[in-house]
C-alpha atoms as a PDB file:
ATOM      1  CA  MET A   1      -5.510  17.572  12.936  1.00  0.00           C
ATOM      2  CA  SER A   2      -5.491  14.125  12.533  1.00  0.00           C
ATOM      3  CA  ASP A   3      -6.046  12.094  15.540  1.00  0.00           C
ATOM      4  CA  ILE A   4      -3.134   9.618  16.070  1.00  0.00           C
ATOM      5  CA  LYS A   5      -3.310   6.454  18.629  1.00  0.00           C
ATOM      6  CA  LEU A   6      -0.020   4.494  18.960  1.00  0.00           C
ATOM      7  CA  LEU A   7      -0.724   1.367  20.633  1.00  0.00           C
ATOM      8  CA  GLN A   8       2.203  -1.053  21.758  1.00  0.00           C
ATOM      9  CA  GLY A   9       1.233  -4.880  21.907  1.00  0.00           C
ATOM     10  CA  ASP A  10       0.421  -7.839  20.124  1.00  0.00           C
ATOM     11  CA  CYS A  11      -1.857  -6.242  17.321  1.00  0.00           C
ATOM     12  CA  LEU A  12      -4.293  -9.950  17.253  1.00  0.00           C
ATOM     13  CA  GLU A  13      -5.233  -8.785  21.135  1.00  0.00           C
ATOM     14  CA  LEU A  14      -5.092  -5.075  20.369  1.00  0.00           C
ATOM     15  CA  MET A  15      -7.706  -5.577  17.492  1.00  0.00           C
ATOM     16  CA  LYS A  16      -9.848  -7.379  19.463  1.00  0.00           C
ATOM     17  CA  ASN A  17     -10.674  -3.942  21.323  1.00  0.00           C
ATOM     18  CA  ILE A  18     -11.668  -2.428  17.832  1.00  0.00           C
ATOM     19  CA  PRO A  19     -15.554  -2.320  17.373  1.00  0.00           C
ATOM     20  CA  ASN A  20     -17.049  -3.809  14.531  1.00  0.00           C
ATOM     21  CA  ASN A  21     -16.700  -1.975  10.775  1.00  0.00           C
ATOM     22  CA  THR A  22     -14.877   0.901  12.298  1.00  0.00           C
ATOM     23  CA  ILE A  23     -11.665   0.884  10.085  1.00  0.00           C
ATOM     24  CA  ASP A  24     -11.887   3.038   6.559  1.00  0.00           C
ATOM     25  CA  LEU A  25      -8.185   1.439   5.254  1.00  0.00           C
ATOM     26  CA  THR A  26      -5.725  -0.570   6.438  1.00  0.00           C
ATOM     27  CA  VAL A  27      -1.964  -0.235   4.955  1.00  0.00           C
ATOM     28  CA  THR A  28       0.292  -2.466   6.450  1.00  0.00           C
ATOM     29  CA  SER A  29       3.340  -4.973   5.693  1.00  0.00           C
ATOM     30  CA  PRO A  30       3.548  -7.873   7.935  1.00  0.00           C
ATOM     31  CA  PRO A  31       6.766 -10.103   8.236  1.00  0.00           C
ATOM     32  CA  TYR A  32       8.447 -11.515   5.290  1.00  0.00           C
ATOM     33  CA  ASP A  33       8.276 -15.592   6.121  1.00  0.00           C
ATOM     34  CA  ASN A  34      11.992 -15.763   7.794  1.00  0.00           C
ATOM     35  CA  ILE A  35      13.774 -12.917   5.700  1.00  0.00           C
ATOM     36  CA  ARG A  36      13.880 -10.841   8.900  1.00  0.00           C
ATOM     37  CA  THR A  37      14.433 -11.757  12.674  1.00  0.00           C
ATOM     38  CA  TYR A  38      12.671  -8.318  14.141  1.00  0.00           C
ATOM     39  CA  ASN A  39      14.687  -8.816  17.623  1.00  0.00           C
ATOM     40  CA  GLY A  40      13.865 -12.438  17.745  1.00  0.00           C
ATOM     41  CA  ASN A  41       9.840 -11.521  17.541  1.00  0.00           C
ATOM     42  CA  ILE A  42       9.874 -13.618  14.322  1.00  0.00           C
ATOM     43  CA  SER A  43       9.465 -16.744  15.834  1.00  0.00           C
ATOM     44  CA  GLN A  44       5.671 -15.342  16.984  1.00  0.00           C
ATOM     45  CA  TRP A  45       4.750 -15.102  13.523  1.00  0.00           C
ATOM     46  CA  ASN A  46       3.178 -17.991  11.502  1.00  0.00           C
ATOM     47  CA  PHE A  47       0.455 -18.780   9.341  1.00  0.00           C
ATOM     48  CA  GLU A  48      -2.185 -19.683  12.138  1.00  0.00           C
ATOM     49  CA  LYS A  49      -1.264 -16.321  13.583  1.00  0.00           C
ATOM     50  CA  PHE A  50      -1.683 -15.031  10.206  1.00  0.00           C
ATOM     51  CA  GLN A  51      -5.074 -16.589   9.960  1.00  0.00           C
ATOM     52  CA  ASP A  52      -6.505 -15.136  13.158  1.00  0.00           C
ATOM     53  CA  ILE A  53      -5.411 -11.603  12.035  1.00  0.00           C
ATOM     54  CA  ALA A  54      -7.105 -11.712   8.418  1.00  0.00           C
ATOM     55  CA  LYS A  55     -10.433 -12.381  10.423  1.00  0.00           C
ATOM     56  CA  GLU A  56     -10.029  -9.754  12.888  1.00  0.00           C
ATOM     57  CA  LEU A  57      -9.143  -7.347   9.481  1.00  0.00           C
ATOM     58  CA  TYR A  58     -11.924  -8.091   8.251  1.00  0.00           C
ATOM     59  CA  ARG A  59     -14.267  -7.843  11.320  1.00  0.00           C
ATOM     60  CA  ILE A  60     -13.156  -4.077  12.079  1.00  0.00           C
ATOM     61  CA  THR A  61     -13.117  -3.103   8.041  1.00  0.00           C
ATOM     62  CA  LYS A  62     -15.948  -1.109   7.260  1.00  0.00           C
ATOM     63  CA  ASP A  63     -18.312  -2.411   4.331  1.00  0.00           C
ATOM     64  CA  GLY A  64     -16.492  -0.691   1.592  1.00  0.00           C
ATOM     65  CA  GLY A  65     -13.184  -0.332   3.057  1.00  0.00           C
ATOM     66  CA  VAL A  66     -10.049  -1.874   1.831  1.00  0.00           C
ATOM     67  CA  VAL A  67      -6.860  -3.456   3.162  1.00  0.00           C
ATOM     68  CA  VAL A  68      -3.500  -3.067   1.207  1.00  0.00           C
ATOM     69  CA  TRP A  69      -1.205  -5.966   2.465  1.00  0.00           C
ATOM     70  CA  ILE A  70       2.048  -5.637   1.092  1.00  0.00           C
ATOM     71  CA  VAL A  71       4.024  -8.884   1.176  1.00  0.00           C
ATOM     72  CA  ASN A  72       6.906 -10.928  -0.184  1.00  0.00           C
ATOM     73  CA  ASP A  73       8.171 -14.724  -0.267  1.00  0.00           C
ATOM     74  CA  GLY A  74      11.302 -16.061   1.591  1.00  0.00           C
ATOM     75  CA  THR A  75      13.288 -18.670  -0.181  1.00  0.00           C
ATOM     76  CA  ILE A  76      13.729 -21.683   1.470  1.00  0.00           C
ATOM     77  CA  ASN A  77      15.910 -24.710  -0.244  1.00  0.00           C
ATOM     78  CA  GLY A  78      15.801 -23.206  -3.203  1.00  0.00           C
ATOM     79  CA  SER A  79      12.352 -22.538  -3.503  1.00  0.00           C
ATOM     80  CA  GLU A  80      10.223 -19.673  -2.991  1.00  0.00           C
ATOM     81  CA  THR A  81       7.325 -20.211  -0.336  1.00  0.00           C
ATOM     82  CA  GLY A  82       4.244 -18.786  -1.988  1.00  0.00           C
ATOM     83  CA  THR A  83       3.300 -17.606   1.114  1.00  0.00           C
ATOM     84  CA  SER A  84       1.943 -14.370  -0.222  1.00  0.00           C
ATOM     85  CA  PHE A  85      -0.292 -16.364  -2.653  1.00  0.00           C
ATOM     86  CA  LYS A  86      -1.512 -18.529   0.523  1.00  0.00           C
ATOM     87  CA  GLN A  87      -2.590 -15.199   2.444  1.00  0.00           C
ATOM     88  CA  ALA A  88      -4.422 -13.745  -0.732  1.00  0.00           C
ATOM     89  CA  LEU A  89      -6.593 -16.720  -1.059  1.00  0.00           C
ATOM     90  CA  TYR A  90      -7.364 -17.083   2.688  1.00  0.00           C
ATOM     91  CA  PHE A  91      -8.302 -13.653   2.713  1.00  0.00           C
ATOM     92  CA  LYS A  92     -10.772 -14.203   0.190  1.00  0.00           C
ATOM     93  CA  GLY A  93     -11.583 -17.257   1.822  1.00  0.00           C
ATOM     94  CA  VAL A  94     -12.647 -14.562   5.101  1.00  0.00           C
ATOM     95  CA  GLY A  95     -14.938 -12.747   3.043  1.00  0.00           C
ATOM     96  CA  PHE A  96     -12.472 -10.308   1.350  1.00  0.00           C
ATOM     97  CA  ARG A  97     -12.556  -9.322  -2.305  1.00  0.00           C
ATOM     98  CA  LEU A  98      -9.215  -9.547  -4.262  1.00  0.00           C
ATOM     99  CA  HIS A  99      -9.711  -6.132  -5.634  1.00  0.00           C
ATOM    100  CA  ASP A 100      -6.534  -5.789  -7.259  1.00  0.00           C
ATOM    101  CA  THR A 101      -3.006  -7.605  -7.376  1.00  0.00           C
ATOM    102  CA  MET A 102      -0.093  -4.345  -7.662  1.00  0.00           C
ATOM    103  CA  ILE A 103       3.487  -4.588  -7.634  1.00  0.00           C
ATOM    104  CA  TRP A 104       5.868  -2.462  -5.883  1.00  0.00           C
ATOM    105  CA  LYS A 105       9.037  -2.283  -8.334  1.00  0.00           C
ATOM    106  CA  LYS A 106      11.888  -1.033  -6.267  1.00  0.00           C
ATOM    107  CA  GLU A 107      15.082   0.559  -7.892  1.00  0.00           C
ATOM    108  CA  SER A 108      17.360  -2.020  -6.690  1.00  0.00           C
ATOM    109  CA  PHE A 109      18.009  -5.504  -5.494  1.00  0.00           C
ATOM    110  CA  SER A 110      19.464  -6.646  -2.166  1.00  0.00           C
ATOM    111  CA  PHE A 111      20.669 -10.333  -2.018  1.00  0.00           C
ATOM    112  CA  PRO A 112      21.836 -11.252  -5.766  1.00  0.00           C
ATOM    113  CA  GLU A 113      21.527 -14.986  -6.293  1.00  0.00           C
ATOM    114  CA  SER A 114      23.550 -17.039  -9.063  1.00  0.00           C
ATOM    115  CA  VAL A 115      20.656 -19.499  -9.787  1.00  0.00           C
ATOM    116  CA  ARG A 116      17.722 -16.889 -10.388  1.00  0.00           C
ATOM    117  CA  TYR A 117      17.080 -13.434 -11.979  1.00  0.00           C
ATOM    118  CA  PRO A 118      17.610 -10.860  -9.210  1.00  0.00           C
ATOM    119  CA  GLN A 119      14.189  -9.853  -7.560  1.00  0.00           C
ATOM    120  CA  ILE A 120      13.401  -5.932  -7.511  1.00  0.00           C
ATOM    121  CA  PHE A 121       9.392  -6.435  -6.457  1.00  0.00           C
ATOM    122  CA  GLU A 122       7.039  -7.039  -3.790  1.00  0.00           C
ATOM    123  CA  TYR A 123       3.291  -7.835  -3.923  1.00  0.00           C
ATOM    124  CA  MET A 124       0.607  -5.011  -2.991  1.00  0.00           C
ATOM    125  CA  PHE A 125      -2.930  -7.113  -2.645  1.00  0.00           C
ATOM    126  CA  ILE A 126      -5.668  -4.462  -2.294  1.00  0.00           C
ATOM    127  CA  LEU A 127      -8.453  -6.067  -0.418  1.00  0.00           C
ATOM    128  CA  SER A 128     -11.873  -4.912  -0.261  1.00  0.00           C
ATOM    129  CA  LYS A 129     -14.529  -5.560   2.078  1.00  0.00           C
ATOM    130  CA  GLY A 130     -17.659  -5.801  -0.763  1.00  0.00           C
ATOM    131  CA  LYS A 131     -17.158  -2.945  -3.353  1.00  0.00           C
ATOM    132  CA  ASN A 132     -14.761  -0.168  -2.602  1.00  0.00           C
ATOM    133  CA  LYS A 133     -15.762   2.805  -1.605  1.00  0.00           C
ATOM    134  CA  THR A 134     -13.470   5.014  -2.258  1.00  0.00           C
ATOM    135  CA  TYR A 135     -10.801   5.404  -5.371  1.00  0.00           C
ATOM    136  CA  ASN A 136      -9.266   8.441  -5.862  1.00  0.00           C
ATOM    137  CA  PRO A 137      -6.718   7.662  -9.050  1.00  0.00           C
ATOM    138  CA  ILE A 138      -3.369   9.110  -9.018  1.00  0.00           C
ATOM    139  CA  LYS A 139      -2.940  10.755 -12.483  1.00  0.00           C
ATOM    140  CA  ASP A 140       0.928  11.339 -12.757  1.00  0.00           C
ATOM    141  CA  ARG A 141       1.759   9.066 -16.084  1.00  0.00           C
ATOM    142  CA  LYS A 142       3.139  10.868 -18.768  1.00  0.00           C
ATOM    143  CA  ASN A 143       0.679  10.325 -21.990  1.00  0.00           C
ATOM    144  CA  LYS A 144       2.875  10.038 -24.711  1.00  0.00           C
ATOM    145  CA  LYS A 145       0.448  11.073 -26.889  1.00  0.00           C
ATOM    146  CA  ALA A 146      -0.708  14.246 -25.323  1.00  0.00           C
ATOM    147  CA  GLY A 147      -2.493  16.868 -27.592  1.00  0.00           C
ATOM    148  CA  THR A 148      -3.742  14.075 -30.093  1.00  0.00           C
ATOM    149  CA  LYS A 149      -7.326  13.054 -30.788  1.00  0.00           C
ATOM    150  CA  LEU A 150      -8.452   9.653 -29.502  1.00  0.00           C
ATOM    151  CA  CYS A 151     -11.029   7.595 -31.941  1.00  0.00           C
ATOM    152  CA  GLY A 152     -13.042   4.216 -31.666  1.00  0.00           C
ATOM    153  CA  THR A 153     -12.057   1.903 -34.256  1.00  0.00           C
ATOM    154  CA  ASP A 154     -13.591  -1.082 -35.592  1.00  0.00           C
ATOM    155  CA  ARG A 155     -11.116  -3.993 -37.311  1.00  0.00           C
ATOM    156  CA  LEU A 156     -11.980  -4.945 -41.251  1.00  0.00           C
ATOM    157  CA  ALA A 157     -11.827  -8.403 -42.458  1.00  0.00           C
ATOM    158  CA  ASP A 158      -8.612  -7.557 -44.468  1.00  0.00           C
ATOM    159  CA  GLY A 159      -7.075  -6.456 -41.192  1.00  0.00           C
ATOM    160  CA  THR A 160      -7.337  -2.637 -41.601  1.00  0.00           C
ATOM    161  CA  PHE A 161      -9.053   0.076 -38.794  1.00  0.00           C
ATOM    162  CA  LYS A 162     -11.801   1.995 -39.923  1.00  0.00           C
ATOM    163  CA  VAL A 163     -12.562   5.238 -37.605  1.00  0.00           C
ATOM    164  CA  ARG A 164     -16.065   4.468 -35.812  1.00  0.00           C
ATOM    165  CA  TYR A 165     -16.293   7.638 -33.649  1.00  0.00           C
ATOM    166  CA  GLU A 166     -14.632  10.122 -31.817  1.00  0.00           C
ATOM    167  CA  ARG A 167     -15.090  10.298 -27.569  1.00  0.00           C
ATOM    168  CA  GLU A 168     -16.989  13.795 -27.059  1.00  0.00           C
ATOM    169  CA  SER A 169     -14.291  13.526 -23.677  1.00  0.00           C
ATOM    170  CA  ASP A 170     -11.541  13.784 -26.024  1.00  0.00           C
ATOM    171  CA  LYS A 171     -12.536  16.755 -28.512  1.00  0.00           C
ATOM    172  CA  GLY A 172      -9.969  18.138 -26.614  1.00  0.00           C
ATOM    173  CA  GLY A 173      -6.874  15.893 -27.098  1.00  0.00           C
ATOM    174  CA  VAL A 174      -5.291  13.513 -25.031  1.00  0.00           C
ATOM    175  CA  LYS A 175      -4.626  14.739 -21.430  1.00  0.00           C
ATOM    176  CA  PRO A 176      -1.164  15.319 -20.607  1.00  0.00           C
ATOM    177  CA  PHE A 177      -0.842  12.862 -17.705  1.00  0.00           C
ATOM    178  CA  GLY A 178      -3.108   9.751 -17.611  1.00  0.00           C
ATOM    179  CA  VAL A 179      -3.690   7.162 -14.429  1.00  0.00           C
ATOM    180  CA  ARG A 180      -0.992   5.236 -13.091  1.00  0.00           C
ATOM    181  CA  PHE A 181      -0.756   1.988 -13.919  1.00  0.00           C
ATOM    182  CA  ASN A 182      -0.781  -0.763 -10.962  1.00  0.00           C
ATOM    183  CA  VAL A 183       3.102  -1.328 -11.253  1.00  0.00           C
ATOM    184  CA  TRP A 184       4.257   1.647  -8.788  1.00  0.00           C
ATOM    185  CA  GLU A 185       8.090   2.249  -9.202  1.00  0.00           C
ATOM    186  CA  ILE A 186       9.085   3.963  -5.672  1.00  0.00           C
ATOM    187  CA  PRO A 187      12.500   3.748  -4.356  1.00  0.00           C
ATOM    188  CA  SER A 188      13.038   2.211  -1.058  1.00  0.00           C
ATOM    189  CA  GLU A 189      14.643   3.585   1.868  1.00  0.00           C
ATOM    190  CA  LYS A 190      18.481   3.908   1.288  1.00  0.00           C
ATOM    191  CA  ALA A 191      19.555   5.682   4.047  1.00  0.00           C
ATOM    192  CA  ASN A 192      17.899   3.895   6.782  1.00  0.00           C
ATOM    193  CA  LYS A 193      18.845   5.659  10.298  1.00  0.00           C
ATOM    194  CA  THR A 194      16.057   4.539  12.083  1.00  0.00           C
ATOM    195  CA  GLY A 195      17.269   1.568  13.812  1.00  0.00           C
ATOM    196  CA  HIS A 196      14.309  -0.668  12.170  1.00  0.00           C
ATOM    197  CA  PRO A 197      15.888  -3.377   9.921  1.00  0.00           C
ATOM    198  CA  ALA A 198      12.894  -3.013   7.227  1.00  0.00           C
ATOM    199  CA  VAL A 199      11.901   0.953   6.856  1.00  0.00           C
ATOM    200  CA  PHE A 200       8.534   1.500   4.666  1.00  0.00           C
ATOM    201  CA  PRO A 201       9.131   4.096   1.873  1.00  0.00           C
ATOM    202  CA  VAL A 202       6.356   6.753   3.388  1.00  0.00           C
ATOM    203  CA  ARG A 203       5.289   7.827  -0.372  1.00  0.00           C
ATOM    204  CA  LEU A 204       4.314   4.124  -0.837  1.00  0.00           C
ATOM    205  CA  ALA A 205       1.828   4.475   2.048  1.00  0.00           C
ATOM    206  CA  GLN A 206       1.046   7.905   1.226  1.00  0.00           C
ATOM    207  CA  ASP A 207       0.130   6.975  -2.283  1.00  0.00           C
ATOM    208  CA  HIS A 208      -2.079   4.145  -1.166  1.00  0.00           C
ATOM    209  CA  ILE A 209      -4.121   6.302   1.577  1.00  0.00           C
ATOM    210  CA  ILE A 210      -4.556   8.899  -1.050  1.00  0.00           C
ATOM    211  CA  SER A 211      -6.039   6.240  -3.705  1.00  0.00           C
ATOM    212  CA  TRP A 212      -8.344   4.116  -1.059  1.00  0.00           C
ATOM    213  CA  SER A 213      -9.369   6.815   1.922  1.00  0.00           C
ATOM    214  CA  ASN A 214     -10.688  10.365   2.230  1.00  0.00           C
ATOM    215  CA  GLU A 215      -9.564  13.290   4.737  1.00  0.00           C
ATOM    216  CA  GLY A 216     -11.133  12.331   7.832  1.00  0.00           C
ATOM    217  CA  ASP A 217     -10.995   8.483   7.305  1.00  0.00           C
ATOM    218  CA  THR A 218      -9.396   5.906   9.884  1.00  0.00           C
ATOM    219  CA  VAL A 219      -6.093   4.152   8.627  1.00  0.00           C
ATOM    220  CA  LEU A 220      -4.838   1.299  10.769  1.00  0.00           C
ATOM    221  CA  ASP A 221      -1.061  -0.152  10.516  1.00  0.00           C
ATOM    222  CA  CYS A 222      -1.727  -3.281  12.205  1.00  0.00           C
ATOM    223  CA  PHE A 223       2.647  -3.890  11.938  1.00  0.00           C
ATOM    224  CA  MET A 224       3.438  -0.243  12.266  1.00  0.00           C
ATOM    225  CA  GLY A 225       7.397  -0.663  12.404  1.00  0.00           C
ATOM    226  CA  SER A 226       9.089   2.346  11.971  1.00  0.00           C
ATOM    227  CA  GLY A 227       5.816   4.206  11.782  1.00  0.00           C
ATOM    228  CA  SER A 228       5.870   5.113   7.811  1.00  0.00           C
ATOM    229  CA  THR A 229       2.073   4.645   7.320  1.00  0.00           C
ATOM    230  CA  GLY A 230       1.368   7.018  10.111  1.00  0.00           C
ATOM    231  CA  ILE A 231       3.563   9.850   9.081  1.00  0.00           C
ATOM    232  CA  ALA A 232       1.659   9.360   5.669  1.00  0.00           C
ATOM    233  CA  ALA A 233      -1.843   9.557   7.466  1.00  0.00           C
ATOM    234  CA  ALA A 234      -1.036  12.558   9.058  1.00  0.00           C
ATOM    235  CA  ASN A 235       0.292  14.152   5.849  1.00  0.00           C
ATOM    236  CA  CYS A 236      -2.967  13.134   4.206  1.00  0.00           C
ATOM    237  CA  ASN A 237      -5.368  14.400   7.037  1.00  0.00           C
ATOM    238  CA  ARG A 238      -6.533  10.981   8.105  1.00  0.00           C
ATOM    239  CA  ASN A 239      -7.226   9.967  11.626  1.00  0.00           C
ATOM    240  CA  PHE A 240      -4.367   7.161  12.534  1.00  0.00           C
ATOM    241  CA  ILE A 241      -3.963   3.789  14.646  1.00  0.00           C
ATOM    242  CA  GLY A 242      -0.629   2.166  14.616  1.00  0.00           C
ATOM    243  CA  MET A 243       0.141  -1.111  16.453  1.00  0.00           C
ATOM    244  CA  GLU A 244       3.755  -2.414  17.132  1.00  0.00           C
ATOM    245  CA  LEU A 245       4.875  -5.477  19.121  1.00  0.00           C
ATOM    246  CA  ASN A 246       8.507  -4.904  19.579  1.00  0.00           C
ATOM    247  CA  GLU A 247       9.227  -1.731  21.860  1.00  0.00           C
ATOM    248  CA  GLU A 248      11.918  -0.223  20.462  1.00  0.00           C
ATOM    249  CA  TYR A 249      10.577  -0.248  17.333  1.00  0.00           C
ATOM    250  CA  PHE A 250       7.389   1.334  18.525  1.00  0.00           C
ATOM    251  CA  LYS A 251       9.481   4.230  20.283  1.00  0.00           C
ATOM    252  CA  ILE A 252      11.036   4.759  16.707  1.00  0.00           C
ATOM    253  CA  ALA A 253       7.851   5.173  15.291  1.00  0.00           C
ATOM    254  CA  LYS A 254       6.499   7.294  18.047  1.00  0.00           C
ATOM    255  CA  ASP A 255       9.393   9.715  17.605  1.00  0.00           C
ATOM    256  CA  ARG A 256       9.017   9.687  13.955  1.00  0.00           C
ATOM    257  CA  ILE A 257       5.513  10.519  13.628  1.00  0.00           C
ATOM    258  CA  GLU A 258       5.739  12.949  16.542  1.00  0.00           C
ATOM    259  CA  HIS A 259       8.317  14.781  15.042  1.00  0.00           C
ATOM    260  CA  GLN A 260       6.558  14.765  11.791  1.00  0.00           C
ATOM    261  CA  GLN A 261       3.500  16.401  12.915  1.00  0.00           C
ATOM    262  CA  LYS A 262       5.690  19.255  14.768  1.00  0.00           C
ATOM    263  CA  PHE A 263       7.677  19.850  11.842  1.00  0.00           C
ATOM    264  CA  PRO A 264       6.159  19.094   8.324  1.00  0.00           C
ATOM    265  CA  GLU A 265       8.377  19.813   5.728  1.00  0.00           C
ATOM    266  CA  MET A 266       5.644  20.787   3.376  1.00  0.00           C
ATOM    267  CA  PRO A 267       1.897  20.697   3.176  1.00  0.00           C
ATOM    268  CA  TYR A 268      -0.129  18.179   1.766  1.00  0.00           C
ATOM    269  CA  LYS A 269      -1.656  18.508  -1.369  1.00  0.00           C
ATOM    270  CA  LYS A 270      -4.889  17.120  -2.584  1.00  0.00           C
ATOM    271  CA  PRO A 271      -4.504  14.812  -5.771  1.00  0.00           C
ATOM    272  CA  SER A 272      -4.757  16.521  -8.888  1.00  0.00           C
ATOM    273  CA  ASN A 273      -5.218  15.521 -12.561  1.00  0.00           C
ATOM    274  CA  ASP A 274      -2.088  17.863 -13.621  1.00  0.00           C
ATOM    275  CA  GLY A 275       0.419  15.178 -13.151  1.00  0.00           C
ATOM    276  CA  VAL A 276       2.033  16.539 -10.084  1.00  0.00           C
ATOM    277  CA  LYS A 277       3.376  13.544  -8.272  1.00  0.00           C
ATOM    278  CA  HIS A 278       1.829  13.595  -4.691  1.00  0.00           C
ATOM    279  CA  LYS A 279       5.034  12.872  -2.696  1.00  0.00           C
ATOM    280  CA  ARG A 280       7.369  14.209   0.060  1.00  0.00           C
ATOM    281  CA  LEU A 281      11.153  13.562   0.757  1.00  0.00           C
ATOM    282  CA  PHE A 282      11.701  11.930   3.903  1.00  0.00           C
END
């Protein structure tokens, strides 16, 4: 059974109690500029605070460990702040590698504006401490050419192609499902009845946990919010450390995680190559 530790308080102070090089994976979503007020706690969030947290995350992350930083930008006086990019560059400055810039594509938008196209995505920065030690690719992208053969080709001077070789691994034809791309289309929580203003999709957290960690690893969420990452960690047989500043949100997260541990809807299934989407409905 997963070891779950839930801590209420300022994550910057709480992380100072975690020894060096002990966290395998962090999956978290910090406050987005001034988009949400979070019961007034947003006043404590600024770039200086972020810098200190970034340094702590680097210290406590294992060599080869990963931080998944899901973030978006506010718009002030008609201009996006660019805070997400500033944060990504700062992470690189403290020692992380920017392993990938992924996109979380939502199914709808919330705040249409008359002067720009509606925004339906958020950034997911995949930051690794050195070379990432774990990568379990989810293979649920249906291949249009399933069953056909793949051949290497050379392009000739007249623009035509000449078959050069047939890959040994493809002798049986293209597999029915391939590795998912780095743009993930995952619905946001439509029916939010938790009391938290920005509930994180459990499936999104779970798919990152599958991708960048293994069973028995320790997953951290330093901005736990409603506890979605904790639910996903428990589902995936990972240990979990969750931190939340707001007392009300901490109770929401605690109740959700404990309920999920007692009444799981279905057993967790390991990733496979058969195209099964590893998700649960919550």
